Structure formats: C-alpha cells, structure tokens
Amino acid sequence: MDDRAISAALRRHWEASDANDFEAEHNLYREDAVLDYPQSGERIHGRRKIQESRFVQPNKKRFTVRRIVGGGDLWITELVLSYDGVPSYVVSIMEFRDGLVAHETQYFGDRFDPGPSRAHLVERVG
C-alpha cells in the first residue's frame, strides 16, 4: 500500500471512529495487532479485543483529526478525542505491516490552564 492509500485509509478509520462504526473503524488493523496505552499501562492483543474494548467504552465519543503525518510504515495522527464533551488531546502512532496496522500507541493529554508567567508571550488558540 502506498502513502496516499494509507493516508486515505487513516482518514476513513478516524471518520468511522467518529461515527461509532466499530466494524469499519477496525478494518485497518491486522488480526494480531497490538494497542498500547502507556499512561494506563494497558496493552491489548488482537483486532477483535481492540474493537471490543472500544465498543464497551460507555462514554459518547467524538473524534476531530487535527493532522495526519507519516510515510512508509510509520504514521502519526494528532486529534482531539472528546468523551462526553470533555476534550483530550491524543497522539496516535501507528506502525503498519503489509498495509495494515500491526502496532498502535496512543498518548492522551488533558487541557490545562496557561501559566501566568508566560501570559505576555503567548497567543490563545482553540
């Protein structure tokens, strides 16, 4: 699969994630894919278990992709994932093998208030 095809597949993946289309969302993963959540210390083995872990998650989820960058077998998506309207900032690192995701690592960061010491240096966004 070339870079254009992977980029398009990633966009379809995140669109399916946002639509709660759990079948289409997981078409991108190998059967033996691994998903890591380093902040919680969790690792999930296998496409079906990854899919089930997302299906049983009770919160209303919304996905907003900010950008997708990558090439070859390594792709990174920066997105905002809102659970019940509360945003988390997420970086998803996907490693591909034979055109499908073999390993994904997701890092989550919550919003925080800006530091007053740098208020005169920054522009507020979002």
Protein backbone atom coordinates (compact mmCIF):
# COMPACT_ATOMS: atom_id res chain seq x y z
CA MET A 1 0.00 0.00 0.00
CA ASP A 2 1.48 3.37 -0.97
CA ASP A 3 1.47 6.51 1.21
CA ARG A 4 -1.60 8.00 -0.48
CA ALA A 5 -3.60 4.84 0.12
CA ILE A 6 -2.54 4.64 3.77
CA SER A 7 -3.39 8.31 4.32
CA ALA A 8 -6.85 7.76 2.82
CA ALA A 9 -7.34 4.60 4.92
CA LEU A 10 -6.42 6.55 8.06
CA ARG A 11 -8.95 9.25 7.24
CA ARG A 12 -11.64 6.57 6.76
CA HIS A 13 -10.58 4.99 10.07
CA TRP A 14 -10.98 8.23 12.04
CA GLU A 15 -14.27 9.06 10.27
CA ALA A 16 -15.58 5.60 11.22
CA SER A 17 -14.34 6.15 14.79
CA ASP A 18 -16.28 9.42 14.98
CA ALA A 19 -19.40 7.71 13.57
CA ASN A 20 -19.13 4.81 16.06
CA ASP A 21 -18.90 2.42 13.11
CA PHE A 22 -16.93 -0.18 15.05
CA GLU A 23 -16.64 -2.61 12.13
CA ALA A 24 -15.26 -0.07 9.64
CA GLU A 25 -13.09 1.52 12.33
CA HIS A 26 -11.16 -1.71 12.81
CA ASN A 27 -10.72 -2.79 9.17
CA LEU A 28 -7.33 -1.07 9.32
CA TYR A 29 -5.89 -3.48 11.93
CA ARG A 30 -4.14 -6.81 11.44
CA GLU A 31 -5.72 -9.74 13.26
CA ASP A 32 -2.63 -9.85 15.52
CA ALA A 33 -2.44 -6.07 16.09
CA VAL A 34 -1.31 -4.68 19.43
CA LEU A 35 -2.62 -1.47 21.04
CA ASP A 36 -0.71 0.24 23.86
CA TYR A 37 -1.95 2.91 26.26
CA PRO A 38 1.30 3.83 28.07
CA GLN A 39 -0.34 6.19 30.56
CA SER A 40 -2.60 3.47 31.97
CA GLY A 41 -0.12 0.64 31.45
CA GLU A 42 -2.54 -1.32 29.24
CA ARG A 43 -1.77 -3.48 26.22
CA ILE A 44 -4.47 -5.13 24.13
CA HIS A 45 -3.62 -8.02 21.79
CA GLY A 46 -5.70 -8.74 18.71
CA ARG A 47 -8.03 -6.78 16.46
CA ARG A 48 -11.23 -8.22 17.98
CA LYS A 49 -10.17 -7.35 21.54
CA ILE A 50 -9.19 -3.83 20.46
CA GLN A 51 -12.60 -3.48 18.80
CA GLU A 52 -14.45 -4.83 21.84
CA SER A 53 -12.54 -2.52 24.20
CA ARG A 54 -13.80 0.46 22.22
CA PHE A 55 -17.33 -0.91 21.85
CA VAL A 56 -17.81 -1.41 25.61
CA GLN A 57 -16.45 2.05 26.48
CA PRO A 58 -19.62 3.79 27.75
CA ASN A 59 -18.89 7.46 27.03
CA LYS A 60 -20.12 9.36 23.98
CA LYS A 61 -17.02 9.85 21.85
CA ARG A 62 -16.20 12.40 19.15
CA PHE A 63 -13.01 12.44 17.09
CA THR A 64 -11.59 15.55 15.43
CA VAL A 65 -8.42 14.98 13.42
CA ARG A 66 -6.01 17.89 13.52
CA ARG A 67 -3.40 16.35 11.23
CA ILE A 68 -2.04 13.10 9.86
CA VAL A 69 1.64 12.81 9.01
CA GLY A 70 3.77 9.88 8.05
CA GLY A 71 5.21 7.74 5.37
CA GLY A 72 6.07 4.14 4.72
CA ASP A 73 5.20 2.03 7.75
CA LEU A 74 5.02 4.81 10.37
CA TRP A 75 2.05 7.22 10.67
CA ILE A 76 1.07 9.73 13.34
CA THR A 77 -2.35 11.26 13.88
CA GLU A 78 -2.89 14.23 16.14
CA LEU A 79 -6.52 14.51 17.20
CA VAL A 80 -8.96 15.75 19.78
CA LEU A 81 -10.97 12.93 21.33
CA SER A 82 -13.91 14.17 23.38
CA TYR A 83 -15.53 11.89 25.93
CA ASP A 84 -19.00 13.22 26.85
CA GLY A 85 -17.93 16.63 25.55
CA VAL A 86 -14.67 16.83 27.52
CA PRO A 87 -11.68 17.05 25.16
CA SER A 88 -8.46 15.06 25.43
CA TYR A 89 -5.59 15.72 23.09
CA VAL A 90 -4.34 12.49 21.57
CA VAL A 91 -1.37 11.37 19.54
CA SER A 92 -1.81 8.03 17.81
CA ILE A 93 1.32 6.35 16.47
CA MET A 94 0.54 3.54 14.04
CA GLU A 95 3.08 1.09 12.69
CA PHE A 96 1.97 -0.71 9.54
CA ARG A 97 2.95 -4.13 8.23
CA ASP A 98 1.68 -5.41 4.90
CA GLY A 99 -0.70 -2.44 4.59
CA LEU A 100 -2.43 -2.89 7.97
CA VAL A 101 -1.78 -1.61 11.50
CA ALA A 102 0.44 -4.02 13.41
CA HIS A 103 1.01 -1.77 16.44
CA GLU A 104 -0.64 1.39 17.71
CA THR A 105 0.34 3.50 20.68
CA GLN A 106 -1.99 6.24 21.91
CA TYR A 107 -0.87 9.07 24.19
CA PHE A 108 -3.50 11.24 25.91
CA GLY A 109 -3.13 14.76 27.30
CA ASP A 110 -5.79 16.77 29.08
CA ARG A 111 -6.29 20.53 28.83
CA PHE A 112 -4.62 22.68 31.45
CA ASP A 113 -4.74 26.36 32.30
CA PRO A 114 -1.96 28.50 30.85
CA GLY A 115 0.84 29.59 33.14
CA PRO A 116 0.53 33.23 34.23
CA SER A 117 4.30 33.73 33.96
CA ARG A 118 4.14 33.44 30.16
CA ALA A 119 0.82 35.20 29.52
CA HIS A 120 2.57 38.15 27.88
CA LEU A 121 4.35 35.81 25.43
CA VAL A 122 1.53 33.67 24.08
CA GLU A 123 -1.45 33.80 21.79
CA ARG A 124 -4.50 31.85 22.99
CA VAL A 125 -5.86 29.37 20.43
CA GLY A 126 -8.72 26.88 20.37
